[in-house]
N, C-alpha and C. Protein backbone atom coordinates (compact mmCIF):
# COMPACT_ATOMS: atom_id res chain seq x y z
N MET A 1 0.83 -1.20 0.00
CA MET A 1 0.00 0.00 0.00
C MET A 1 0.86 1.25 0.00
N LYS A 2 0.50 2.19 -0.85
CA LYS A 2 1.18 3.48 -0.87
C LYS A 2 0.83 4.26 0.40
N LEU A 3 1.74 5.12 0.85
CA LEU A 3 1.50 5.93 2.04
C LEU A 3 0.23 6.76 1.85
N LYS A 4 -0.64 6.72 2.85
CA LYS A 4 -1.94 7.36 2.75
C LYS A 4 -1.94 8.76 3.36
N ARG A 5 -2.82 9.60 2.81
CA ARG A 5 -3.05 10.93 3.38
C ARG A 5 -4.45 11.06 3.96
N ALA A 6 -5.36 10.17 3.54
CA ALA A 6 -6.76 10.32 3.94
C ALA A 6 -7.38 8.98 4.30
N ILE A 7 -8.20 8.99 5.35
CA ILE A 7 -8.91 7.80 5.80
C ILE A 7 -10.40 8.08 5.71
N ILE A 8 -11.12 7.18 5.05
CA ILE A 8 -12.58 7.31 4.91
C ILE A 8 -13.22 6.16 5.70
N TYR A 9 -14.23 6.49 6.48
CA TYR A 9 -14.92 5.49 7.30
C TYR A 9 -16.41 5.46 6.96
N ASP A 10 -16.96 4.27 6.79
CA ASP A 10 -18.40 4.10 6.93
C ASP A 10 -18.70 4.31 8.43
N PHE A 11 -19.97 4.38 8.80
CA PHE A 11 -20.27 4.63 10.21
C PHE A 11 -20.80 3.38 10.93
N ASP A 12 -22.00 2.94 10.58
CA ASP A 12 -22.59 1.79 11.26
C ASP A 12 -21.76 0.53 11.01
N GLY A 13 -21.33 -0.11 12.09
CA GLY A 13 -20.54 -1.32 11.97
C GLY A 13 -19.06 -1.08 11.76
N VAL A 14 -18.67 0.18 11.63
CA VAL A 14 -17.26 0.54 11.45
C VAL A 14 -16.80 1.43 12.60
N VAL A 15 -17.46 2.55 12.77
CA VAL A 15 -17.14 3.44 13.90
C VAL A 15 -17.92 3.00 15.13
N CYS A 16 -19.21 2.75 14.96
CA CYS A 16 -20.06 2.35 16.08
C CYS A 16 -20.79 1.04 15.79
N ASP A 17 -21.08 0.32 16.83
CA ASP A 17 -21.76 -0.97 16.73
C ASP A 17 -23.27 -0.74 16.70
N SER A 18 -23.72 -0.15 15.60
CA SER A 18 -25.11 0.32 15.51
C SER A 18 -25.91 -0.38 14.41
N VAL A 19 -25.34 -1.40 13.79
CA VAL A 19 -26.06 -2.10 12.72
C VAL A 19 -27.34 -2.74 13.24
N ASN A 20 -27.27 -3.39 14.42
CA ASN A 20 -28.44 -4.09 14.95
C ASN A 20 -29.57 -3.14 15.31
N VAL A 21 -29.23 -1.92 15.72
CA VAL A 21 -30.26 -0.92 16.03
C VAL A 21 -31.13 -0.69 14.79
N LYS A 22 -30.50 -0.55 13.64
CA LYS A 22 -31.23 -0.27 12.42
C LYS A 22 -31.93 -1.53 11.90
N THR A 23 -31.32 -2.69 12.11
CA THR A 23 -31.97 -3.95 11.73
C THR A 23 -33.29 -4.11 12.47
N GLU A 24 -33.26 -3.85 13.77
CA GLU A 24 -34.48 -3.96 14.59
C GLU A 24 -35.55 -2.96 14.15
N ALA A 25 -35.13 -1.77 13.75
CA ALA A 25 -36.09 -0.76 13.30
C ALA A 25 -36.77 -1.18 11.99
N PHE A 26 -35.98 -1.70 11.04
CA PHE A 26 -36.58 -2.19 9.80
C PHE A 26 -37.56 -3.32 10.09
N ALA A 27 -37.16 -4.24 10.97
CA ALA A 27 -38.03 -5.37 11.32
C ALA A 27 -39.34 -4.88 11.93
N GLU A 28 -39.27 -3.89 12.80
CA GLU A 28 -40.47 -3.36 13.44
C GLU A 28 -41.41 -2.70 12.42
N MET A 29 -40.82 -1.97 11.47
CA MET A 29 -41.65 -1.27 10.50
C MET A 29 -42.36 -2.22 9.53
N TYR A 30 -41.76 -3.37 9.25
CA TYR A 30 -42.36 -4.31 8.30
C TYR A 30 -43.06 -5.48 8.98
N LYS A 31 -43.13 -5.46 10.30
CA LYS A 31 -43.81 -6.52 11.06
C LYS A 31 -45.27 -6.70 10.65
N PRO A 32 -46.01 -5.63 10.34
CA PRO A 32 -47.40 -5.82 9.94
C PRO A 32 -47.59 -6.67 8.68
N TYR A 33 -46.53 -6.82 7.88
CA TYR A 33 -46.64 -7.59 6.64
C TYR A 33 -46.30 -9.08 6.83
N GLY A 34 -45.94 -9.46 8.05
CA GLY A 34 -45.69 -10.86 8.34
C GLY A 34 -44.22 -11.21 8.46
N ASP A 35 -43.97 -12.35 9.10
CA ASP A 35 -42.60 -12.79 9.39
C ASP A 35 -41.78 -13.04 8.14
N HIS A 36 -42.42 -13.55 7.08
CA HIS A 36 -41.68 -13.85 5.85
C HIS A 36 -41.10 -12.56 5.25
N ILE A 37 -41.90 -11.51 5.22
CA ILE A 37 -41.44 -10.22 4.71
C ILE A 37 -40.35 -9.65 5.61
N VAL A 38 -40.53 -9.77 6.92
CA VAL A 38 -39.53 -9.28 7.86
C VAL A 38 -38.19 -9.94 7.61
N ARG A 39 -38.19 -11.26 7.39
CA ARG A 39 -36.94 -11.98 7.14
C ARG A 39 -36.27 -11.47 5.86
N GLN A 40 -37.05 -11.25 4.81
CA GLN A 40 -36.50 -10.74 3.56
C GLN A 40 -35.91 -9.34 3.74
N VAL A 41 -36.63 -8.50 4.47
CA VAL A 41 -36.18 -7.12 4.73
C VAL A 41 -34.88 -7.13 5.51
N VAL A 42 -34.83 -7.92 6.57
CA VAL A 42 -33.64 -7.98 7.43
C VAL A 42 -32.44 -8.51 6.65
N ASN A 43 -32.65 -9.58 5.89
CA ASN A 43 -31.54 -10.15 5.13
C ASN A 43 -30.98 -9.16 4.12
N TYR A 44 -31.87 -8.46 3.42
CA TYR A 44 -31.41 -7.48 2.43
C TYR A 44 -30.65 -6.35 3.12
N HIS A 45 -31.19 -5.86 4.21
CA HIS A 45 -30.53 -4.79 4.95
C HIS A 45 -29.12 -5.20 5.38
N LEU A 46 -28.98 -6.40 5.93
CA LEU A 46 -27.68 -6.84 6.44
C LEU A 46 -26.67 -7.06 5.32
N LEU A 47 -27.14 -7.44 4.15
CA LEU A 47 -26.24 -7.67 3.03
C LEU A 47 -25.92 -6.39 2.26
N ASN A 48 -26.68 -5.33 2.52
CA ASN A 48 -26.52 -4.08 1.78
C ASN A 48 -26.45 -2.91 2.74
N GLY A 49 -25.51 -3.02 3.69
CA GLY A 49 -25.42 -2.05 4.77
C GLY A 49 -25.21 -0.62 4.33
N GLY A 50 -24.52 -0.40 3.22
CA GLY A 50 -24.21 0.97 2.82
C GLY A 50 -25.25 1.64 1.95
N VAL A 51 -26.34 0.93 1.63
CA VAL A 51 -27.40 1.51 0.79
C VAL A 51 -28.29 2.38 1.67
N SER A 52 -28.69 3.53 1.16
CA SER A 52 -29.50 4.45 1.97
C SER A 52 -30.86 3.84 2.28
N ARG A 53 -31.43 4.25 3.41
CA ARG A 53 -32.74 3.73 3.81
C ARG A 53 -33.83 4.13 2.80
N LEU A 54 -33.66 5.27 2.12
CA LEU A 54 -34.65 5.69 1.12
C LEU A 54 -34.71 4.67 -0.02
N GLU A 55 -33.53 4.24 -0.47
CA GLU A 55 -33.47 3.22 -1.53
C GLU A 55 -34.02 1.89 -1.02
N LYS A 56 -33.74 1.58 0.23
CA LYS A 56 -34.22 0.31 0.80
C LYS A 56 -35.73 0.27 0.88
N PHE A 57 -36.36 1.35 1.33
CA PHE A 57 -37.83 1.36 1.42
C PHE A 57 -38.46 1.15 0.05
N LYS A 58 -37.93 1.81 -0.97
CA LYS A 58 -38.46 1.64 -2.33
C LYS A 58 -38.28 0.19 -2.79
N TYR A 59 -37.11 -0.37 -2.50
CA TYR A 59 -36.82 -1.76 -2.90
C TYR A 59 -37.74 -2.73 -2.18
N PHE A 60 -37.88 -2.58 -0.86
CA PHE A 60 -38.70 -3.49 -0.07
C PHE A 60 -40.15 -3.50 -0.56
N HIS A 61 -40.69 -2.31 -0.79
CA HIS A 61 -42.07 -2.25 -1.24
C HIS A 61 -42.24 -2.82 -2.65
N ASP A 62 -41.33 -2.50 -3.53
CA ASP A 62 -41.43 -2.96 -4.91
C ASP A 62 -41.21 -4.46 -5.02
N LYS A 63 -40.08 -4.94 -4.49
CA LYS A 63 -39.68 -6.33 -4.69
C LYS A 63 -40.39 -7.31 -3.75
N PHE A 64 -40.62 -6.92 -2.52
CA PHE A 64 -41.18 -7.86 -1.53
C PHE A 64 -42.70 -7.73 -1.39
N LEU A 65 -43.22 -6.51 -1.56
CA LEU A 65 -44.65 -6.31 -1.37
C LEU A 65 -45.40 -6.09 -2.68
N GLY A 66 -44.66 -5.80 -3.75
CA GLY A 66 -45.31 -5.52 -5.03
C GLY A 66 -46.10 -4.23 -5.01
N ILE A 67 -45.62 -3.27 -4.22
CA ILE A 67 -46.29 -1.97 -4.08
C ILE A 67 -45.32 -0.87 -4.49
N GLU A 68 -45.77 0.00 -5.37
CA GLU A 68 -44.94 1.14 -5.75
C GLU A 68 -45.27 2.32 -4.84
N ILE A 69 -44.25 2.93 -4.24
CA ILE A 69 -44.50 4.06 -3.34
C ILE A 69 -43.82 5.32 -3.88
N ASP A 70 -44.47 6.47 -3.64
CA ASP A 70 -43.93 7.73 -4.13
C ASP A 70 -42.95 8.32 -3.11
N GLN A 71 -42.30 9.41 -3.52
CA GLN A 71 -41.26 10.01 -2.67
C GLN A 71 -41.83 10.50 -1.35
N ALA A 72 -43.06 10.99 -1.37
CA ALA A 72 -43.67 11.48 -0.13
C ALA A 72 -43.79 10.35 0.89
N LYS A 73 -44.21 9.17 0.43
CA LYS A 73 -44.33 8.01 1.32
C LYS A 73 -42.95 7.55 1.80
N VAL A 74 -41.97 7.57 0.90
CA VAL A 74 -40.60 7.18 1.26
C VAL A 74 -40.08 8.09 2.38
N HIS A 75 -40.27 9.38 2.23
CA HIS A 75 -39.77 10.32 3.23
C HIS A 75 -40.55 10.21 4.55
N GLN A 76 -41.83 9.89 4.46
CA GLN A 76 -42.62 9.65 5.68
C GLN A 76 -42.06 8.45 6.44
N MET A 77 -41.74 7.39 5.71
CA MET A 77 -41.18 6.19 6.34
C MET A 77 -39.79 6.47 6.91
N ALA A 78 -39.02 7.30 6.19
CA ALA A 78 -37.68 7.65 6.67
C ALA A 78 -37.76 8.42 7.98
N GLU A 79 -38.74 9.28 8.11
CA GLU A 79 -38.91 10.03 9.35
C GLU A 79 -39.30 9.09 10.50
N GLN A 80 -40.17 8.14 10.21
CA GLN A 80 -40.54 7.15 11.22
C GLN A 80 -39.33 6.33 11.65
N PHE A 81 -38.53 5.94 10.67
CA PHE A 81 -37.32 5.16 10.94
C PHE A 81 -36.35 5.95 11.81
N ALA A 82 -36.14 7.22 11.46
CA ALA A 82 -35.22 8.07 12.22
C ALA A 82 -35.65 8.20 13.67
N SER A 83 -36.95 8.31 13.88
CA SER A 83 -37.44 8.45 15.25
C SER A 83 -37.21 7.17 16.06
N LEU A 84 -37.17 6.04 15.38
CA LEU A 84 -36.93 4.77 16.06
C LEU A 84 -35.46 4.57 16.42
N VAL A 85 -34.54 5.10 15.60
CA VAL A 85 -33.13 4.73 15.76
C VAL A 85 -32.20 5.81 16.29
N MET A 86 -32.56 7.08 16.11
CA MET A 86 -31.60 8.17 16.36
C MET A 86 -30.95 8.07 17.74
N HIS A 87 -31.77 8.01 18.78
CA HIS A 87 -31.21 7.99 20.14
C HIS A 87 -30.36 6.74 20.36
N LYS A 88 -30.83 5.60 19.87
CA LYS A 88 -30.11 4.34 20.09
C LYS A 88 -28.75 4.34 19.40
N VAL A 89 -28.67 4.97 18.21
CA VAL A 89 -27.38 5.07 17.52
C VAL A 89 -26.44 5.98 18.30
N ILE A 90 -26.97 7.06 18.81
CA ILE A 90 -26.15 8.02 19.56
C ILE A 90 -25.53 7.38 20.80
N ILE A 91 -26.24 6.46 21.43
CA ILE A 91 -25.71 5.83 22.66
C ILE A 91 -25.08 4.46 22.41
N SER A 92 -25.00 4.03 21.15
CA SER A 92 -24.43 2.72 20.85
C SER A 92 -22.93 2.68 21.18
N GLU A 93 -22.42 1.47 21.40
CA GLU A 93 -21.01 1.28 21.73
C GLU A 93 -20.14 1.52 20.50
N PHE A 94 -18.92 1.96 20.75
CA PHE A 94 -17.94 2.04 19.67
C PHE A 94 -17.49 0.65 19.27
N ILE A 95 -17.15 0.45 18.00
CA ILE A 95 -16.41 -0.74 17.59
C ILE A 95 -15.09 -0.70 18.35
N PRO A 96 -14.64 -1.81 18.95
CA PRO A 96 -13.43 -1.78 19.78
C PRO A 96 -12.25 -1.07 19.11
N GLY A 97 -11.75 -0.06 19.79
CA GLY A 97 -10.57 0.66 19.32
C GLY A 97 -10.85 1.78 18.34
N SER A 98 -12.09 1.90 17.85
CA SER A 98 -12.36 2.88 16.80
C SER A 98 -12.17 4.32 17.29
N PHE A 99 -12.68 4.63 18.47
CA PHE A 99 -12.55 6.01 18.96
C PHE A 99 -11.09 6.39 19.14
N GLU A 100 -10.31 5.53 19.76
CA GLU A 100 -8.90 5.81 20.00
C GLU A 100 -8.14 5.95 18.69
N PHE A 101 -8.47 5.09 17.73
CA PHE A 101 -7.80 5.14 16.43
C PHE A 101 -8.12 6.45 15.70
N ILE A 102 -9.40 6.80 15.64
CA ILE A 102 -9.82 8.02 14.94
C ILE A 102 -9.21 9.24 15.60
N LYS A 103 -9.26 9.29 16.91
CA LYS A 103 -8.70 10.44 17.63
C LYS A 103 -7.19 10.56 17.39
N SER A 104 -6.48 9.43 17.45
CA SER A 104 -5.02 9.45 17.33
C SER A 104 -4.56 9.81 15.92
N ARG A 105 -5.40 9.49 14.89
CA ARG A 105 -5.01 9.77 13.50
C ARG A 105 -5.49 11.15 13.03
N SER A 106 -6.23 11.86 13.83
CA SER A 106 -6.86 13.10 13.37
C SER A 106 -5.85 14.22 13.09
N GLU A 107 -4.68 14.18 13.70
CA GLU A 107 -3.69 15.24 13.48
C GLU A 107 -2.82 14.99 12.26
N ASN A 108 -2.69 13.73 11.87
CA ASN A 108 -1.75 13.39 10.80
C ASN A 108 -2.41 12.95 9.50
N TYR A 109 -3.72 12.75 9.52
CA TYR A 109 -4.44 12.33 8.32
C TYR A 109 -5.69 13.17 8.14
N LEU A 110 -6.10 13.34 6.90
CA LEU A 110 -7.44 13.83 6.63
C LEU A 110 -8.40 12.67 6.91
N GLN A 111 -9.52 12.95 7.57
CA GLN A 111 -10.46 11.88 7.90
C GLN A 111 -11.88 12.28 7.50
N PHE A 112 -12.63 11.28 7.02
CA PHE A 112 -13.96 11.53 6.48
C PHE A 112 -14.94 10.42 6.88
N ILE A 113 -16.21 10.79 7.02
CA ILE A 113 -17.29 9.82 7.15
C ILE A 113 -18.02 9.75 5.82
N CYS A 114 -18.27 8.52 5.36
CA CYS A 114 -18.99 8.27 4.11
C CYS A 114 -20.03 7.19 4.41
N THR A 115 -21.29 7.58 4.60
CA THR A 115 -22.30 6.65 5.10
C THR A 115 -23.59 6.75 4.30
N GLY A 116 -24.39 5.68 4.39
CA GLY A 116 -25.71 5.69 3.78
C GLY A 116 -26.75 6.38 4.64
N THR A 117 -26.40 6.75 5.86
CA THR A 117 -27.30 7.51 6.73
C THR A 117 -27.51 8.90 6.15
N PRO A 118 -28.73 9.45 6.21
CA PRO A 118 -28.94 10.82 5.70
C PRO A 118 -27.94 11.80 6.30
N GLU A 119 -27.46 12.72 5.46
CA GLU A 119 -26.37 13.59 5.88
C GLU A 119 -26.73 14.44 7.10
N SER A 120 -27.94 14.98 7.12
CA SER A 120 -28.33 15.81 8.27
C SER A 120 -28.33 15.00 9.56
N GLU A 121 -28.68 13.74 9.45
CA GLU A 121 -28.75 12.87 10.62
C GLU A 121 -27.36 12.48 11.12
N ILE A 122 -26.47 12.13 10.20
CA ILE A 122 -25.12 11.73 10.64
C ILE A 122 -24.38 12.93 11.22
N LEU A 123 -24.63 14.12 10.70
CA LEU A 123 -24.02 15.32 11.28
C LEU A 123 -24.46 15.49 12.74
N GLU A 124 -25.74 15.26 13.01
CA GLU A 124 -26.25 15.41 14.37
C GLU A 124 -25.73 14.29 15.28
N ILE A 125 -25.64 13.08 14.75
CA ILE A 125 -25.13 11.95 15.55
C ILE A 125 -23.69 12.22 15.96
N LEU A 126 -22.85 12.65 15.02
CA LEU A 126 -21.46 12.93 15.35
C LEU A 126 -21.32 14.11 16.29
N ARG A 127 -22.19 15.10 16.13
CA ARG A 127 -22.16 16.26 17.03
C ARG A 127 -22.46 15.82 18.46
N GLN A 128 -23.50 15.00 18.62
CA GLN A 128 -23.88 14.58 19.97
C GLN A 128 -22.88 13.60 20.58
N ARG A 129 -22.13 12.92 19.74
CA ARG A 129 -21.11 11.99 20.25
C ARG A 129 -19.74 12.67 20.39
N ASN A 130 -19.70 13.97 20.12
CA ASN A 130 -18.45 14.75 20.23
C ASN A 130 -17.35 14.19 19.32
N LEU A 131 -17.73 13.81 18.10
CA LEU A 131 -16.78 13.26 17.14
C LEU A 131 -16.50 14.19 15.97
N SER A 132 -17.31 15.20 15.80
CA SER A 132 -17.24 16.03 14.59
C SER A 132 -15.86 16.62 14.34
N SER A 133 -15.19 17.03 15.41
CA SER A 133 -13.91 17.72 15.26
C SER A 133 -12.81 16.84 14.71
N PHE A 134 -13.00 15.52 14.71
CA PHE A 134 -11.98 14.60 14.21
C PHE A 134 -12.04 14.42 12.70
N PHE A 135 -13.08 15.00 12.06
CA PHE A 135 -13.29 14.75 10.63
C PHE A 135 -13.23 16.04 9.82
N ASN A 136 -12.61 15.92 8.64
CA ASN A 136 -12.52 17.04 7.71
C ASN A 136 -13.76 17.15 6.84
N GLY A 137 -14.53 16.09 6.79
CA GLY A 137 -15.78 16.10 6.03
C GLY A 137 -16.67 14.96 6.48
N ILE A 138 -17.98 15.21 6.55
CA ILE A 138 -18.96 14.22 6.97
C ILE A 138 -20.03 14.16 5.90
N TYR A 139 -20.14 13.03 5.21
CA TYR A 139 -21.01 12.91 4.04
C TYR A 139 -21.97 11.73 4.20
N GLY A 140 -23.22 11.96 3.79
CA GLY A 140 -24.22 10.89 3.85
C GLY A 140 -25.13 10.92 2.64
N SER A 141 -26.19 10.11 2.71
CA SER A 141 -27.15 10.06 1.61
C SER A 141 -27.93 11.38 1.55
N PRO A 142 -28.46 11.72 0.36
CA PRO A 142 -28.74 10.81 -0.74
C PRO A 142 -27.58 10.56 -1.71
N GLU A 143 -26.43 11.21 -1.54
CA GLU A 143 -25.32 10.95 -2.46
C GLU A 143 -24.79 9.54 -2.28
N LYS A 144 -24.52 8.87 -3.40
CA LYS A 144 -23.98 7.51 -3.36
C LYS A 144 -22.52 7.53 -2.92
N LYS A 145 -22.05 6.40 -2.41
CA LYS A 145 -20.72 6.37 -1.81
C LYS A 145 -19.60 6.62 -2.81
N ALA A 146 -19.71 6.08 -4.00
CA ALA A 146 -18.67 6.34 -5.00
C ALA A 146 -18.61 7.83 -5.31
N GLY A 147 -19.77 8.47 -5.38
CA GLY A 147 -19.82 9.90 -5.62
C GLY A 147 -19.19 10.70 -4.49
N ILE A 148 -19.40 10.22 -3.26
CA ILE A 148 -18.79 10.88 -2.10
C ILE A 148 -17.27 10.78 -2.17
N ILE A 149 -16.77 9.60 -2.49
CA ILE A 149 -15.32 9.42 -2.59
C ILE A 149 -14.74 10.34 -3.67
N LYS A 150 -15.42 10.42 -4.81
CA LYS A 150 -14.98 11.30 -5.90
C LYS A 150 -14.96 12.75 -5.44
N ARG A 151 -15.98 13.14 -4.69
CA ARG A 151 -16.07 14.51 -4.17
C ARG A 151 -14.94 14.81 -3.20
N ILE A 152 -14.64 13.87 -2.31
CA ILE A 152 -13.54 14.04 -1.36
C ILE A 152 -12.22 14.23 -2.11
N ALA A 153 -11.99 13.37 -3.11
CA ALA A 153 -10.75 13.46 -3.89
C ALA A 153 -10.62 14.83 -4.56
N SER A 154 -11.72 15.33 -5.11
CA SER A 154 -11.69 16.61 -5.81
C SER A 154 -11.49 17.78 -4.85
N GLU A 155 -12.26 17.78 -3.75
CA GLU A 155 -12.23 18.91 -2.83
C GLU A 155 -10.93 19.01 -2.03
N PHE A 156 -10.28 17.86 -1.83
CA PHE A 156 -9.07 17.86 -1.00
C PHE A 156 -7.81 17.50 -1.80
N ASN A 157 -7.96 17.49 -3.14
CA ASN A 157 -6.82 17.26 -4.03
C ASN A 157 -6.09 15.96 -3.68
N LEU A 158 -6.86 14.88 -3.63
CA LEU A 158 -6.32 13.57 -3.28
C LEU A 158 -6.40 12.62 -4.47
N SER A 159 -5.35 11.84 -4.66
CA SER A 159 -5.41 10.77 -5.65
C SER A 159 -6.05 9.54 -5.00
N SER A 160 -6.52 8.61 -5.82
CA SER A 160 -7.13 7.40 -5.28
C SER A 160 -6.13 6.61 -4.43
N GLU A 161 -4.85 6.65 -4.80
CA GLU A 161 -3.83 5.90 -4.06
C GLU A 161 -3.55 6.49 -2.68
N GLU A 162 -3.96 7.73 -2.46
CA GLU A 162 -3.70 8.39 -1.19
C GLU A 162 -4.83 8.19 -0.17
N MET A 163 -5.88 7.47 -0.58
CA MET A 163 -7.03 7.26 0.30
C MET A 163 -7.20 5.78 0.64
N ILE A 164 -7.80 5.52 1.79
CA ILE A 164 -8.16 4.17 2.19
C ILE A 164 -9.55 4.22 2.81
N PHE A 165 -10.36 3.20 2.54
CA PHE A 165 -11.76 3.19 2.98
C PHE A 165 -11.98 2.00 3.91
N PHE A 166 -12.47 2.28 5.13
CA PHE A 166 -12.88 1.23 6.07
C PHE A 166 -14.39 1.01 5.92
N GLY A 167 -14.78 -0.21 5.61
CA GLY A 167 -16.21 -0.50 5.46
C GLY A 167 -16.56 -1.88 5.96
N ASP A 168 -17.86 -2.13 6.10
CA ASP A 168 -18.31 -3.44 6.61
C ASP A 168 -19.30 -4.11 5.67
N SER A 169 -19.50 -3.55 4.48
CA SER A 169 -20.48 -4.13 3.56
C SER A 169 -19.94 -4.16 2.14
N MET A 170 -20.63 -4.93 1.29
CA MET A 170 -20.23 -4.99 -0.11
C MET A 170 -20.50 -3.66 -0.82
N THR A 171 -21.45 -2.88 -0.32
CA THR A 171 -21.67 -1.55 -0.88
C THR A 171 -20.42 -0.69 -0.70
N ASP A 172 -19.81 -0.79 0.48
CA ASP A 172 -18.56 -0.07 0.75
C ASP A 172 -17.44 -0.59 -0.15
N TYR A 173 -17.33 -1.90 -0.21
CA TYR A 173 -16.28 -2.53 -1.03
C TYR A 173 -16.42 -2.11 -2.50
N ASP A 174 -17.64 -2.17 -3.02
CA ASP A 174 -17.87 -1.84 -4.43
C ASP A 174 -17.56 -0.37 -4.73
N ALA A 175 -17.89 0.52 -3.79
CA ALA A 175 -17.61 1.95 -3.99
C ALA A 175 -16.11 2.19 -4.05
N ALA A 176 -15.37 1.54 -3.12
CA ALA A 176 -13.92 1.69 -3.11
C ALA A 176 -13.31 1.12 -4.40
N LEU A 177 -13.80 -0.04 -4.82
CA LEU A 177 -13.30 -0.68 -6.03
C LEU A 177 -13.55 0.21 -7.25
N GLU A 178 -14.75 0.77 -7.34
CA GLU A 178 -15.11 1.63 -8.47
C GLU A 178 -14.19 2.85 -8.56
N MET A 179 -13.79 3.38 -7.40
CA MET A 179 -12.98 4.59 -7.38
C MET A 179 -11.48 4.29 -7.28
N GLY A 180 -11.10 3.02 -7.27
CA GLY A 180 -9.69 2.65 -7.23
C GLY A 180 -9.02 2.95 -5.91
N VAL A 181 -9.81 2.88 -4.82
CA VAL A 181 -9.30 3.20 -3.48
C VAL A 181 -9.08 1.90 -2.70
N ASP A 182 -7.96 1.82 -1.97
CA ASP A 182 -7.72 0.64 -1.13
C ASP A 182 -8.82 0.50 -0.10
N PHE A 183 -9.15 -0.76 0.20
CA PHE A 183 -10.27 -1.05 1.09
C PHE A 183 -9.81 -1.96 2.23
N LEU A 184 -10.28 -1.65 3.44
CA LEU A 184 -10.09 -2.53 4.59
C LEU A 184 -11.46 -2.90 5.14
N GLY A 185 -11.79 -4.18 5.14
CA GLY A 185 -13.09 -4.63 5.59
C GLY A 185 -13.10 -4.95 7.07
N ILE A 186 -14.17 -4.55 7.74
CA ILE A 186 -14.38 -4.92 9.14
C ILE A 186 -15.17 -6.23 9.14
N ILE A 187 -14.60 -7.27 9.73
CA ILE A 187 -15.23 -8.59 9.74
C ILE A 187 -16.54 -8.55 10.53
N ASN A 188 -17.58 -9.12 9.94
CA ASN A 188 -18.84 -9.29 10.65
C ASN A 188 -19.51 -10.55 10.16
N GLU A 189 -20.60 -10.93 10.81
CA GLU A 189 -21.23 -12.22 10.50
C GLU A 189 -22.13 -12.16 9.27
N HIS A 190 -22.34 -10.98 8.71
CA HIS A 190 -23.30 -10.83 7.63
C HIS A 190 -22.67 -10.67 6.26
N THR A 191 -21.43 -10.19 6.18
CA THR A 191 -20.82 -9.89 4.89
C THR A 191 -19.70 -10.88 4.58
N VAL A 192 -19.76 -11.45 3.39
CA VAL A 192 -18.68 -12.31 2.90
C VAL A 192 -17.96 -11.53 1.81
N PHE A 193 -16.78 -11.03 2.14
CA PHE A 193 -16.02 -10.25 1.17
C PHE A 193 -15.30 -11.19 0.19
N PRO A 194 -14.97 -10.70 -1.01
CA PRO A 194 -14.24 -11.53 -1.97
C PRO A 194 -12.90 -12.00 -1.42
N ASN A 195 -12.47 -13.16 -1.90
CA ASN A 195 -11.16 -13.68 -1.49
C ASN A 195 -10.07 -12.66 -1.77
N GLY A 196 -9.15 -12.52 -0.83
CA GLY A 196 -8.05 -11.59 -0.99
C GLY A 196 -8.30 -10.22 -0.40
N THR A 197 -9.54 -9.96 0.05
CA THR A 197 -9.84 -8.66 0.68
C THR A 197 -9.09 -8.55 2.00
N LYS A 198 -8.47 -7.40 2.23
CA LYS A 198 -7.79 -7.16 3.51
C LYS A 198 -8.85 -6.93 4.58
N LEU A 199 -8.78 -7.71 5.66
CA LEU A 199 -9.81 -7.67 6.70
C LEU A 199 -9.21 -7.51 8.09
N ILE A 200 -9.95 -6.82 8.96
CA ILE A 200 -9.59 -6.72 10.37
C ILE A 200 -10.86 -6.95 11.19
N GLU A 201 -10.67 -7.43 12.42
CA GLU A 201 -11.82 -7.64 13.30
C GLU A 201 -12.30 -6.33 13.91
N ASN A 202 -11.35 -5.46 14.24
CA ASN A 202 -11.67 -4.16 14.83
C ASN A 202 -10.41 -3.29 14.79
N PHE A 203 -10.48 -2.13 15.42
CA PHE A 203 -9.38 -1.17 15.34
C PHE A 203 -8.28 -1.41 16.38
N GLN A 204 -8.37 -2.52 17.09
CA GLN A 204 -7.29 -2.90 18.00
C GLN A 204 -6.27 -3.79 17.29
N ASN A 205 -6.50 -4.04 16.00
CA ASN A 205 -5.60 -4.88 15.21
C ASN A 205 -4.24 -4.19 15.06
N LYS A 206 -3.19 -4.88 15.40
CA LYS A 206 -1.84 -4.31 15.38
C LYS A 206 -1.35 -3.99 13.97
N LYS A 207 -1.94 -4.64 12.95
CA LYS A 207 -1.53 -4.37 11.56
C LYS A 207 -1.77 -2.92 11.18
N LEU A 208 -2.73 -2.28 11.84
CA LEU A 208 -3.07 -0.91 11.48
C LEU A 208 -1.92 0.06 11.72
N SER A 209 -1.06 -0.26 12.67
CA SER A 209 0.08 0.62 12.96
C SER A 209 1.07 0.64 11.80
N PHE A 210 1.09 -0.43 11.01
CA PHE A 210 1.96 -0.50 9.84
C PHE A 210 1.30 0.10 8.61
N ILE A 211 -0.02 -0.14 8.48
CA ILE A 211 -0.76 0.36 7.32
C ILE A 211 -0.97 1.86 7.41
N LEU A 212 -1.31 2.33 8.62
CA LEU A 212 -1.57 3.75 8.84
C LEU A 212 -0.83 4.20 10.09
N PRO A 213 0.49 4.37 9.98
CA PRO A 213 1.29 4.73 11.16
C PRO A 213 0.88 6.09 11.72
N ASN A 214 1.01 6.21 13.03
CA ASN A 214 0.72 7.49 13.69
C ASN A 214 2.04 8.23 13.89
N PHE A 215 2.34 9.15 12.98
CA PHE A 215 3.67 9.78 12.92
C PHE A 215 3.97 10.56 14.20
């Protein structure tokens, strides 16, 4: 790996252990449609962690329920979802070592959040968790992740080789691959990354000191 100048992080399952909070919220919202639909919704969510909830609601209704919903309904559901999860995400535990790693690298690297969570919401979550000051940019949906990476590169004059992306889903992996950015996957029980993907269990992994030294 070439020496890096910038670190990009997904949020849920990478910085904080908040994936299950959102899984439970999706399950609750689709419970009226029956257990079979709930299982389909949960499985899709877990396999597509980086996709925005707006896209997920449209997909769930179209593919699983055979119902087409308009943007007004999508945004209504998104507001309901946010009310279910916001506080729980704010108080969720950090992925082991993530806070210490992010804080320690903030002086020597440019750092960014790139998440499928709505941008206004992730800004508030980071503000309430006192994390905002560690990041040079905080980006969320509706912009797609590859577009966010391209924007970061342009705004901060970074080449693809100078960036590295920490993610926990194939959405993250695919965005990094599309933009030619090195990827480090956070191991979890839901995502099977392609053979050869560089993986870590959490931010206490000693390999990180070699990949991203703290000068």
